[in-house]
Amino acid sequence: QSDIPCDCIGLEPGWMEKHYDLSIRKNWHPEKFYIPYWIREKVRHHR
């Protein structure tokens, strides 16, 4: 809207279900970054 060029947007560790999850099986925070259960395994629906 402000016509400021930007190519990439990043998220700090608050996106994780467990803050600073150091495991290899990280999940999205269920409230802050909600993804419906019926869409999680269907890449074509990520749009």
All heavy atoms as atom14 arrays in JSON, in Angstrom:
{
  "sequence": "QSDIPCDCIGLEPGWMEKHYDLSIRKNWHPEKFYIPYWIREKVRHHR",
  "atom14_mask": [
    [1, 1, 1, 1, 1, 1, 1, 1, 1, 0, 0, 0, 0, 0],
    [1, 1, 1, 1, 1, 1, 0, 0, 0, 0, 0, 0, 0, 0],
    [1, 1, 1, 1, 1, 1, 1, 1, 0, 0, 0, 0, 0, 0],
    [1, 1, 1, 1, 1, 1, 1, 1, 0, 0, 0, 0, 0, 0],
    [1, 1, 1, 1, 1, 1, 1, 0, 0, 0, 0, 0, 0, 0],
    [1, 1, 1, 1, 1, 1, 0, 0, 0, 0, 0, 0, 0, 0],
    [1, 1, 1, 1, 1, 1, 1, 1, 0, 0, 0, 0, 0, 0],
    [1, 1, 1, 1, 1, 1, 0, 0, 0, 0, 0, 0, 0, 0],
    [1, 1, 1, 1, 1, 1, 1, 1, 0, 0, 0, 0, 0, 0],
    [1, 1, 1, 1, 0, 0, 0, 0, 0, 0, 0, 0, 0, 0],
    [1, 1, 1, 1, 1, 1, 1, 1, 0, 0, 0, 0, 0, 0],
    [1, 1, 1, 1, 1, 1, 1, 1, 1, 0, 0, 0, 0, 0],
    [1, 1, 1, 1, 1, 1, 1, 0, 0, 0, 0, 0, 0, 0],
    [1, 1, 1, 1, 0, 0, 0, 0, 0, 0, 0, 0, 0, 0],
    [1, 1, 1, 1, 1, 1, 1, 1, 1, 1, 1, 1, 1, 1],
    [1, 1, 1, 1, 1, 1, 1, 1, 0, 0, 0, 0, 0, 0],
    [1, 1, 1, 1, 1, 1, 1, 1, 1, 0, 0, 0, 0, 0],
    [1, 1, 1, 1, 1, 1, 1, 1, 1, 0, 0, 0, 0, 0],
    [1, 1, 1, 1, 1, 1, 1, 1, 1, 1, 0, 0, 0, 0],
    [1, 1, 1, 1, 1, 1, 1, 1, 1, 1, 1, 1, 0, 0],
    [1, 1, 1, 1, 1, 1, 1, 1, 0, 0, 0, 0, 0, 0],
    [1, 1, 1, 1, 1, 1, 1, 1, 0, 0, 0, 0, 0, 0],
    [1, 1, 1, 1, 1, 1, 0, 0, 0, 0, 0, 0, 0, 0],
    [1, 1, 1, 1, 1, 1, 1, 1, 0, 0, 0, 0, 0, 0],
    [1, 1, 1, 1, 1, 1, 1, 1, 1, 1, 1, 0, 0, 0],
    [1, 1, 1, 1, 1, 1, 1, 1, 1, 0, 0, 0, 0, 0],
    [1, 1, 1, 1, 1, 1, 1, 1, 0, 0, 0, 0, 0, 0],
    [1, 1, 1, 1, 1, 1, 1, 1, 1, 1, 1, 1, 1, 1],
    [1, 1, 1, 1, 1, 1, 1, 1, 1, 1, 0, 0, 0, 0],
    [1, 1, 1, 1, 1, 1, 1, 0, 0, 0, 0, 0, 0, 0],
    [1, 1, 1, 1, 1, 1, 1, 1, 1, 0, 0, 0, 0, 0],
    [1, 1, 1, 1, 1, 1, 1, 1, 1, 0, 0, 0, 0, 0],
    [1, 1, 1, 1, 1, 1, 1, 1, 1, 1, 1, 0, 0, 0],
    [1, 1, 1, 1, 1, 1, 1, 1, 1, 1, 1, 1, 0, 0],
    [1, 1, 1, 1, 1, 1, 1, 1, 0, 0, 0, 0, 0, 0],
    [1, 1, 1, 1, 1, 1, 1, 0, 0, 0, 0, 0, 0, 0],
    [1, 1, 1, 1, 1, 1, 1, 1, 1, 1, 1, 1, 0, 0],
    [1, 1, 1, 1, 1, 1, 1, 1, 1, 1, 1, 1, 1, 1],
    [1, 1, 1, 1, 1, 1, 1, 1, 0, 0, 0, 0, 0, 0],
    [1, 1, 1, 1, 1, 1, 1, 1, 1, 1, 1, 0, 0, 0],
    [1, 1, 1, 1, 1, 1, 1, 1, 1, 0, 0, 0, 0, 0],
    [1, 1, 1, 1, 1, 1, 1, 1, 1, 0, 0, 0, 0, 0],
    [1, 1, 1, 1, 1, 1, 1, 0, 0, 0, 0, 0, 0, 0],
    [1, 1, 1, 1, 1, 1, 1, 1, 1, 1, 1, 0, 0, 0],
    [1, 1, 1, 1, 1, 1, 1, 1, 1, 1, 0, 0, 0, 0],
    [1, 1, 1, 1, 1, 1, 1, 1, 1, 1, 0, 0, 0, 0],
    [1, 1, 1, 1, 1, 1, 1, 1, 1, 1, 1, 0, 0, 0]
  ],
  "atom14_positions": [
    [[0.82, -1.2, 0.0], [0.0, 0.0, 0.0], [0.86, 1.26, 0.0], [0.53, 2.26, -0.64], [-0.91, -0.02, 1.24], [-2.09, 0.9, 1.18], [-2.98, 0.69, 2.4], [-2.62, 1.03, 3.53], [-4.14, 0.09, 2.18], [0.0, 0.0, 0.0], [0.0, 0.0, 0.0], [0.0, 0.0, 0.0], [0.0, 0.0, 0.0], [0.0, 0.0, 0.0]],
    [[2.02, 1.19, 0.68], [2.93, 2.33, 0.77], [3.96, 2.35, -0.34], [4.83, 3.22, -0.37], [3.66, 2.31, 2.12], [2.75, 2.28, 3.19], [0.0, 0.0, 0.0], [0.0, 0.0, 0.0], [0.0, 0.0, 0.0], [0.0, 0.0, 0.0], [0.0, 0.0, 0.0], [0.0, 0.0, 0.0], [0.0, 0.0, 0.0], [0.0, 0.0, 0.0]],
    [[3.85, 1.36, -1.25], [4.76, 1.29, -2.39], [6.22, 1.18, -1.95], [7.12, 1.78, -2.55], [4.58, 2.5, -3.32], [5.09, 2.21, -4.73], [5.12, 1.02, -5.11], [5.49, 3.16, -5.42], [0.0, 0.0, 0.0], [0.0, 0.0, 0.0], [0.0, 0.0, 0.0], [0.0, 0.0, 0.0], [0.0, 0.0, 0.0], [0.0, 0.0, 0.0]],
    [[6.45, 0.41, -0.86], [7.81, 0.14, -0.38], [8.22, -1.24, -0.89], [7.56, -2.24, -0.58], [7.87, 0.16, 1.16], [7.48, 1.54, 1.69], [9.28, -0.21, 1.64], [7.36, 1.61, 3.2], [0.0, 0.0, 0.0], [0.0, 0.0, 0.0], [0.0, 0.0, 0.0], [0.0, 0.0, 0.0], [0.0, 0.0, 0.0], [0.0, 0.0, 0.0]],
    [[9.27, -1.34, -1.7], [9.66, -2.65, -2.23], [10.14, -3.58, -1.11], [10.94, -3.19, -0.26], [10.8, -2.31, -3.2], [11.33, -1.01, -2.74], [10.18, -0.27, -2.14], [0.0, 0.0, 0.0], [0.0, 0.0, 0.0], [0.0, 0.0, 0.0], [0.0, 0.0, 0.0], [0.0, 0.0, 0.0], [0.0, 0.0, 0.0], [0.0, 0.0, 0.0]],
    [[9.63, -4.78, -1.09], [10.03, -5.79, -0.1], [9.78, -7.17, -0.73], [8.72, -7.4, -1.29], [9.22, -5.63, 1.18], [9.78, -6.73, 2.52], [0.0, 0.0, 0.0], [0.0, 0.0, 0.0], [0.0, 0.0, 0.0], [0.0, 0.0, 0.0], [0.0, 0.0, 0.0], [0.0, 0.0, 0.0], [0.0, 0.0, 0.0], [0.0, 0.0, 0.0]],
    [[10.77, -8.04, -0.65], [10.68, -9.35, -1.32], [10.39, -10.5, -0.37], [9.87, -11.53, -0.78], [11.99, -9.64, -2.07], [12.18, -8.73, -3.25], [11.63, -9.05, -4.32], [12.84, -7.69, -3.12], [0.0, 0.0, 0.0], [0.0, 0.0, 0.0], [0.0, 0.0, 0.0], [0.0, 0.0, 0.0], [0.0, 0.0, 0.0], [0.0, 0.0, 0.0]],
    [[10.77, -10.32, 0.88], [10.68, -11.46, 1.8], [10.21, -10.96, 3.15], [10.61, -9.88, 3.61], [12.06, -12.11, 1.92], [12.08, -13.67, 2.81], [0.0, 0.0, 0.0], [0.0, 0.0, 0.0], [0.0, 0.0, 0.0], [0.0, 0.0, 0.0], [0.0, 0.0, 0.0], [0.0, 0.0, 0.0], [0.0, 0.0, 0.0], [0.0, 0.0, 0.0]],
    [[9.35, -11.73, 3.81], [8.88, -11.38, 5.14], [9.2, -12.55, 6.06], [9.05, -13.72, 5.68], [7.38, -11.03, 5.14], [7.0, -10.26, 6.4], [6.5, -12.26, 4.96], [5.72, -9.47, 6.28], [0.0, 0.0, 0.0], [0.0, 0.0, 0.0], [0.0, 0.0, 0.0], [0.0, 0.0, 0.0], [0.0, 0.0, 0.0], [0.0, 0.0, 0.0]],
    [[9.71, -12.25, 7.25], [10.19, -13.3, 8.15], [9.45, -13.32, 9.47], [8.91, -12.31, 9.92], [0.0, 0.0, 0.0], [0.0, 0.0, 0.0], [0.0, 0.0, 0.0], [0.0, 0.0, 0.0], [0.0, 0.0, 0.0], [0.0, 0.0, 0.0], [0.0, 0.0, 0.0], [0.0, 0.0, 0.0], [0.0, 0.0, 0.0], [0.0, 0.0, 0.0]],
    [[9.45, -14.5, 10.1], [8.8, -14.68, 11.39], [9.82, -15.11, 12.44], [10.67, -15.96, 12.18], [7.71, -15.75, 11.29], [6.49, -15.4, 10.44], [5.57, -16.61, 10.3], [5.74, -14.21, 11.03], [0.0, 0.0, 0.0], [0.0, 0.0, 0.0], [0.0, 0.0, 0.0], [0.0, 0.0, 0.0], [0.0, 0.0, 0.0], [0.0, 0.0, 0.0]],
    [[9.71, -14.53, 13.61], [10.53, -14.94, 14.76], [9.95, -16.24, 15.35], [8.89, -16.71, 14.89], [10.54, -13.82, 15.81], [11.3, -12.57, 15.38], [12.81, -12.73, 15.53], [13.28, -13.87, 15.67], [13.52, -11.7, 15.49], [0.0, 0.0, 0.0], [0.0, 0.0, 0.0], [0.0, 0.0, 0.0], [0.0, 0.0, 0.0], [0.0, 0.0, 0.0]],
    [[10.6, -16.82, 16.38], [10.17, -18.14, 16.86], [8.76, -18.21, 17.45], [8.29, -19.3, 17.8], [11.21, -18.46, 17.94], [12.42, -17.71, 17.53], [11.9, -16.43, 16.95], [0.0, 0.0, 0.0], [0.0, 0.0, 0.0], [0.0, 0.0, 0.0], [0.0, 0.0, 0.0], [0.0, 0.0, 0.0], [0.0, 0.0, 0.0], [0.0, 0.0, 0.0]],
    [[8.05, -17.07, 17.53], [6.67, -17.11, 18.0], [5.73, -17.87, 17.09], [4.61, -18.19, 17.48], [0.0, 0.0, 0.0], [0.0, 0.0, 0.0], [0.0, 0.0, 0.0], [0.0, 0.0, 0.0], [0.0, 0.0, 0.0], [0.0, 0.0, 0.0], [0.0, 0.0, 0.0], [0.0, 0.0, 0.0], [0.0, 0.0, 0.0], [0.0, 0.0, 0.0]],
    [[6.17, -18.19, 15.86], [5.31, -18.97, 14.95], [5.19, -20.42, 15.4], [4.28, -21.13, 14.97], [5.84, -18.91, 13.52], [7.15, -19.62, 13.3], [8.39, -19.09, 13.35], [7.32, -21.0, 12.97], [9.34, -20.03, 13.09], [8.71, -21.24, 12.84], [6.44, -22.08, 12.77], [9.26, -22.48, 12.53], [6.98, -23.32, 12.46], [8.37, -23.52, 12.35]],
    [[6.1, -20.88, 16.27], [6.12, -22.3, 16.66], [5.11, -22.59, 17.77], [4.83, -21.76, 18.63], [7.5, -22.69, 17.18], [8.65, -22.46, 16.22], [10.21, -22.95, 16.99], [11.38, -22.21, 15.85], [0.0, 0.0, 0.0], [0.0, 0.0, 0.0], [0.0, 0.0, 0.0], [0.0, 0.0, 0.0], [0.0, 0.0, 0.0], [0.0, 0.0, 0.0]],
    [[4.61, -23.8, 17.76], [3.73, -24.26, 18.84], [4.48, -24.21, 20.17], [3.95, -23.77, 21.19], [3.25, -25.68, 18.54], [2.27, -26.22, 19.58], [1.78, -27.61, 19.2], [2.59, -28.4, 18.66], [0.59, -27.9, 19.45], [0.0, 0.0, 0.0], [0.0, 0.0, 0.0], [0.0, 0.0, 0.0], [0.0, 0.0, 0.0], [0.0, 0.0, 0.0]],
    [[5.74, -24.66, 20.17], [6.6, -24.58, 21.34], [7.66, -23.53, 21.05], [8.4, -23.62, 20.08], [7.27, -25.94, 21.61], [8.26, -25.92, 22.75], [8.97, -27.27, 22.88], [10.04, -27.22, 23.97], [10.79, -28.5, 24.04], [0.0, 0.0, 0.0], [0.0, 0.0, 0.0], [0.0, 0.0, 0.0], [0.0, 0.0, 0.0], [0.0, 0.0, 0.0]],
    [[7.72, -22.5, 21.89], [8.63, -21.4, 21.63], [10.07, -21.89, 21.57], [10.53, -22.63, 22.44], [8.48, -20.34, 22.75], [9.12, -19.04, 22.41], [10.24, -18.57, 23.04], [8.78, -18.1, 21.49], [10.57, -17.4, 22.54], [9.7, -17.08, 21.6], [0.0, 0.0, 0.0], [0.0, 0.0, 0.0], [0.0, 0.0, 0.0], [0.0, 0.0, 0.0]],
    [[10.81, -21.5, 20.53], [12.18, -21.97, 20.31], [12.27, -23.49, 20.35], [13.11, -24.08, 21.03], [13.16, -21.35, 21.32], [13.71, -20.02, 20.88], [13.24, -18.84, 21.44], [14.68, -19.95, 19.9], [13.73, -17.61, 21.03], [15.18, -18.72, 19.48], [14.7, -17.56, 20.05], [15.2, -16.35, 19.64], [0.0, 0.0, 0.0], [0.0, 0.0, 0.0]],
    [[11.4, -24.14, 19.62], [11.42, -25.6, 19.54], [12.71, -26.03, 18.82], [12.92, -25.7, 17.65], [10.19, -26.07, 18.76], [10.05, -27.59, 18.77], [11.0, -28.28, 19.18], [8.97, -28.07, 18.37], [0.0, 0.0, 0.0], [0.0, 0.0, 0.0], [0.0, 0.0, 0.0], [0.0, 0.0, 0.0], [0.0, 0.0, 0.0], [0.0, 0.0, 0.0]],
    [[13.57, -26.77, 19.51], [14.85, -27.19, 18.93], [14.78, -28.58, 18.3], [15.79, -29.1, 17.84], [15.94, -27.17, 20.01], [16.19, -25.8, 20.66], [17.3, -25.9, 21.69], [16.54, -24.75, 19.61], [0.0, 0.0, 0.0], [0.0, 0.0, 0.0], [0.0, 0.0, 0.0], [0.0, 0.0, 0.0], [0.0, 0.0, 0.0], [0.0, 0.0, 0.0]],
    [[13.59, -29.18, 18.29], [13.46, -30.51, 17.69], [13.36, -30.38, 16.17], [13.33, -29.27, 15.61], [12.2, -31.2, 18.22], [11.04, -30.65, 17.62], [0.0, 0.0, 0.0], [0.0, 0.0, 0.0], [0.0, 0.0, 0.0], [0.0, 0.0, 0.0], [0.0, 0.0, 0.0], [0.0, 0.0, 0.0], [0.0, 0.0, 0.0], [0.0, 0.0, 0.0]],
    [[13.32, -31.51, 15.48], [13.17, -31.49, 14.02], [11.71, -31.63, 13.61], [11.41, -31.73, 12.42], [14.01, -32.61, 13.37], [13.56, -33.99, 13.87], [15.49, -32.39, 13.64], [14.19, -35.13, 13.11], [0.0, 0.0, 0.0], [0.0, 0.0, 0.0], [0.0, 0.0, 0.0], [0.0, 0.0, 0.0], [0.0, 0.0, 0.0], [0.0, 0.0, 0.0]],
    [[10.79, -31.66, 14.56], [9.36, -31.78, 14.27], [8.61, -30.58, 14.84], [7.92, -30.68, 15.85], [8.8, -33.09, 14.83], [9.43, -34.32, 14.21], [8.75, -35.61, 14.65], [9.29, -36.76, 13.98], [8.96, -37.19, 12.78], [8.06, -36.51, 12.09], [9.52, -38.25, 12.23], [0.0, 0.0, 0.0], [0.0, 0.0, 0.0], [0.0, 0.0, 0.0]],
    [[8.75, -29.47, 14.19], [8.12, -28.24, 14.66], [6.7, -28.12, 14.1], [6.45, -28.54, 12.96], [8.94, -27.02, 14.23], [10.44, -27.12, 14.58], [11.16, -25.87, 14.14], [12.66, -26.03, 14.05], [13.32, -26.74, 15.11], [0.0, 0.0, 0.0], [0.0, 0.0, 0.0], [0.0, 0.0, 0.0], [0.0, 0.0, 0.0], [0.0, 0.0, 0.0]],
    [[5.81, -27.55, 14.89], [4.43, -27.32, 14.46], [4.11, -25.83, 14.53], [4.66, -25.1, 15.34], [3.45, -28.09, 15.36], [3.61, -29.58, 15.2], [3.68, -30.11, 14.09], [3.68, -30.28, 16.33], [0.0, 0.0, 0.0], [0.0, 0.0, 0.0], [0.0, 0.0, 0.0], [0.0, 0.0, 0.0], [0.0, 0.0, 0.0], [0.0, 0.0, 0.0]],
    [[3.18, -25.42, 13.66], [2.69, -24.05, 13.72], [1.89, -23.83, 15.0], [1.22, -24.74, 15.48], [1.81, -23.76, 12.51], [2.58, -23.65, 11.23], [2.83, -24.64, 10.34], [3.22, -22.48, 10.73], [3.59, -24.17, 9.3], [3.84, -22.84, 9.5], [3.32, -21.16, 11.16], [4.55, -21.93, 8.73], [4.02, -20.25, 10.4], [4.63, -20.63, 9.19]],
    [[1.98, -22.62, 15.55], [1.2, -22.28, 16.75], [-0.29, -22.42, 16.4], [-0.76, -21.8, 15.43], [1.52, -20.84, 17.18], [1.03, -20.52, 18.54], [-0.3, -20.33, 18.83], [1.7, -20.35, 19.71], [-0.44, -20.05, 20.1], [0.76, -20.05, 20.68], [0.0, 0.0, 0.0], [0.0, 0.0, 0.0], [0.0, 0.0, 0.0], [0.0, 0.0, 0.0]],
    [[-1.04, -23.22, 17.16], [-2.42, -23.54, 16.76], [-3.38, -22.35, 16.78], [-4.4, -22.38, 16.08], [-2.84, -24.6, 17.79], [-1.93, -24.39, 18.96], [-0.63, -23.9, 18.4], [0.0, 0.0, 0.0], [0.0, 0.0, 0.0], [0.0, 0.0, 0.0], [0.0, 0.0, 0.0], [0.0, 0.0, 0.0], [0.0, 0.0, 0.0], [0.0, 0.0, 0.0]],
    [[-3.09, -21.31, 17.56], [-3.97, -20.14, 17.58], [-3.42, -19.01, 16.7], [-4.14, -18.43, 15.89], [-4.14, -19.61, 19.01], [-5.04, -20.45, 19.89], [-4.29, -21.6, 20.54], [-3.12, -21.39, 20.9], [-4.86, -22.7, 20.65], [0.0, 0.0, 0.0], [0.0, 0.0, 0.0], [0.0, 0.0, 0.0], [0.0, 0.0, 0.0], [0.0, 0.0, 0.0]],
    [[-2.15, -18.7, 16.85], [-1.57, -17.55, 16.14], [-1.45, -17.81, 14.64], [-1.6, -16.89, 13.83], [-0.21, -17.2, 16.73], [-0.28, -16.66, 18.16], [1.08, -16.59, 18.82], [1.98, -15.54, 18.16], [3.28, -15.41, 18.87], [0.0, 0.0, 0.0], [0.0, 0.0, 0.0], [0.0, 0.0, 0.0], [0.0, 0.0, 0.0], [0.0, 0.0, 0.0]],
    [[-1.18, -19.06, 14.26], [-1.04, -19.43, 12.85], [-1.88, -20.67, 12.57], [-1.37, -21.76, 12.33], [0.44, -19.63, 12.49], [1.24, -18.37, 12.55], [1.85, -17.98, 13.73], [1.35, -17.55, 11.44], [2.58, -16.8, 13.8], [2.07, -16.37, 11.51], [2.68, -15.99, 12.69], [0.0, 0.0, 0.0], [0.0, 0.0, 0.0], [0.0, 0.0, 0.0]],
    [[-3.18, -20.47, 12.64], [-4.13, -21.58, 12.53], [-4.18, -22.11, 11.1], [-4.32, -21.36, 10.13], [-5.51, -21.1, 12.97], [-6.6, -22.14, 12.78], [-6.61, -23.29, 13.56], [-7.6, -21.96, 11.83], [-7.6, -24.24, 13.39], [-8.58, -22.91, 11.65], [-8.57, -24.06, 12.44], [-9.55, -25.01, 12.26], [0.0, 0.0, 0.0], [0.0, 0.0, 0.0]],
    [[-4.04, -23.43, 10.98], [-4.21, -24.11, 9.7], [-5.25, -25.21, 9.93], [-5.02, -26.12, 10.74], [-2.89, -24.73, 9.2], [-1.82, -23.64, 9.04], [-3.09, -25.46, 7.87], [-0.45, -24.16, 8.66], [0.0, 0.0, 0.0], [0.0, 0.0, 0.0], [0.0, 0.0, 0.0], [0.0, 0.0, 0.0], [0.0, 0.0, 0.0], [0.0, 0.0, 0.0]],
    [[-6.41, -25.18, 9.28], [-7.45, -26.19, 9.51], [-6.92, -27.6, 9.29], [-6.06, -27.84, 8.43], [-8.52, -25.84, 8.47], [-8.26, -24.4, 8.13], [-6.81, -24.2, 8.25], [0.0, 0.0, 0.0], [0.0, 0.0, 0.0], [0.0, 0.0, 0.0], [0.0, 0.0, 0.0], [0.0, 0.0, 0.0], [0.0, 0.0, 0.0], [0.0, 0.0, 0.0]],
    [[-7.44, -28.54, 10.07], [-6.95, -29.92, 10.01], [-7.12, -30.52, 8.62], [-6.31, -31.31, 8.16], [-7.7, -30.78, 11.05], [-9.12, -31.08, 10.69], [-9.46, -32.21, 9.96], [-10.17, -30.21, 11.07], [-10.8, -32.47, 9.61], [-11.46, -30.45, 10.72], [-11.78, -31.59, 10.0], [-13.08, -31.85, 9.64], [0.0, 0.0, 0.0], [0.0, 0.0, 0.0]],
    [[-8.17, -30.11, 7.91], [-8.46, -30.73, 6.62], [-7.55, -30.22, 5.49], [-7.59, -30.72, 4.37], [-9.93, -30.48, 6.23], [-10.34, -29.04, 6.29], [-10.87, -28.38, 7.36], [-10.26, -28.08, 5.23], [-11.11, -27.07, 7.05], [-10.76, -26.85, 5.74], [-9.84, -28.13, 3.9], [-10.83, -25.69, 4.98], [-9.9, -26.97, 3.13], [-10.39, -25.77, 3.67]],
    [[-6.7, -29.23, 5.84], [-5.86, -28.64, 4.8], [-4.38, -28.94, 5.02], [-3.57, -28.73, 4.13], [-6.11, -27.12, 4.76], [-5.96, -26.56, 3.35], [-5.15, -26.38, 5.66], [-6.41, -25.12, 3.25], [0.0, 0.0, 0.0], [0.0, 0.0, 0.0], [0.0, 0.0, 0.0], [0.0, 0.0, 0.0], [0.0, 0.0, 0.0], [0.0, 0.0, 0.0]],
    [[-4.04, -29.46, 6.21], [-2.63, -29.54, 6.61], [-1.8, -30.42, 5.69], [-0.64, -30.14, 5.44], [-2.53, -30.05, 8.05], [-2.99, -29.0, 9.05], [-3.06, -29.53, 10.46], [-3.82, -28.6, 11.3], [-4.3, -28.92, 12.48], [-4.13, -30.13, 12.97], [-4.97, -28.02, 13.18], [0.0, 0.0, 0.0], [0.0, 0.0, 0.0], [0.0, 0.0, 0.0]],
    [[-2.33, -31.5, 5.2], [-1.56, -32.43, 4.37], [-1.82, -32.23, 2.88], [-1.34, -33.02, 2.07], [-1.9, -33.88, 4.76], [-1.68, -34.19, 6.25], [-0.25, -33.93, 6.68], [0.67, -34.16, 5.87], [-0.05, -33.49, 7.83], [0.0, 0.0, 0.0], [0.0, 0.0, 0.0], [0.0, 0.0, 0.0], [0.0, 0.0, 0.0], [0.0, 0.0, 0.0]],
    [[-2.56, -31.21, 2.51], [-2.93, -31.01, 1.11], [-2.29, -29.73, 0.59], [-2.82, -28.64, 0.77], [-4.45, -30.96, 0.95], [-5.13, -32.26, 1.39], [-6.63, -32.15, 1.29], [-7.3, -33.45, 1.75], [-8.78, -33.37, 1.69], [0.0, 0.0, 0.0], [0.0, 0.0, 0.0], [0.0, 0.0, 0.0], [0.0, 0.0, 0.0], [0.0, 0.0, 0.0]],
    [[-1.12, -29.89, -0.03], [-0.34, -28.74, -0.46], [-1.15, -27.85, -1.41], [-1.05, -26.63, -1.37], [0.97, -29.21, -1.13], [1.76, -28.03, -1.68], [1.82, -29.99, -0.13], [0.0, 0.0, 0.0], [0.0, 0.0, 0.0], [0.0, 0.0, 0.0], [0.0, 0.0, 0.0], [0.0, 0.0, 0.0], [0.0, 0.0, 0.0], [0.0, 0.0, 0.0]],
    [[-1.96, -28.48, -2.26], [-2.69, -27.68, -3.25], [-3.69, -26.72, -2.6], [-4.14, -25.77, -3.23], [-3.42, -28.6, -4.24], [-4.55, -29.42, -3.66], [-5.16, -30.33, -4.71], [-6.31, -31.06, -4.22], [-6.23, -32.19, -3.54], [-5.04, -32.7, -3.26], [-7.32, -32.82, -3.12], [0.0, 0.0, 0.0], [0.0, 0.0, 0.0], [0.0, 0.0, 0.0]],
    [[-4.07, -26.97, -1.35], [-5.02, -26.11, -0.65], [-4.33, -24.99, 0.14], [-5.02, -24.18, 0.75], [-5.9, -26.93, 0.29], [-6.91, -27.76, -0.45], [-7.5, -28.86, 0.12], [-7.4, -27.66, -1.7], [-8.32, -29.42, -0.76], [-8.28, -28.7, -1.87], [0.0, 0.0, 0.0], [0.0, 0.0, 0.0], [0.0, 0.0, 0.0], [0.0, 0.0, 0.0]],
    [[-3.0, -24.96, 0.15], [-2.3, -23.94, 0.94], [-2.6, -22.53, 0.43], [-2.4, -21.55, 1.15], [-0.79, -24.2, 0.95], [-0.41, -25.28, 1.92], [0.89, -25.57, 2.22], [-1.17, -26.15, 2.64], [0.93, -26.56, 3.1], [-0.31, -26.94, 3.36], [0.0, 0.0, 0.0], [0.0, 0.0, 0.0], [0.0, 0.0, 0.0], [0.0, 0.0, 0.0]],
    [[-3.1, -22.43, -0.81], [-3.46, -21.11, -1.32], [-4.62, -20.51, -0.54], [-4.88, -19.3, -0.59], [-3.82, -21.21, -2.8], [-4.98, -22.15, -3.08], [-5.2, -22.33, -4.57], [-6.26, -23.29, -4.85], [-7.57, -23.02, -4.79], [-7.95, -21.79, -4.49], [-8.46, -23.96, -5.04], [0.0, 0.0, 0.0], [0.0, 0.0, 0.0], [0.0, 0.0, 0.0]]
  ]
}
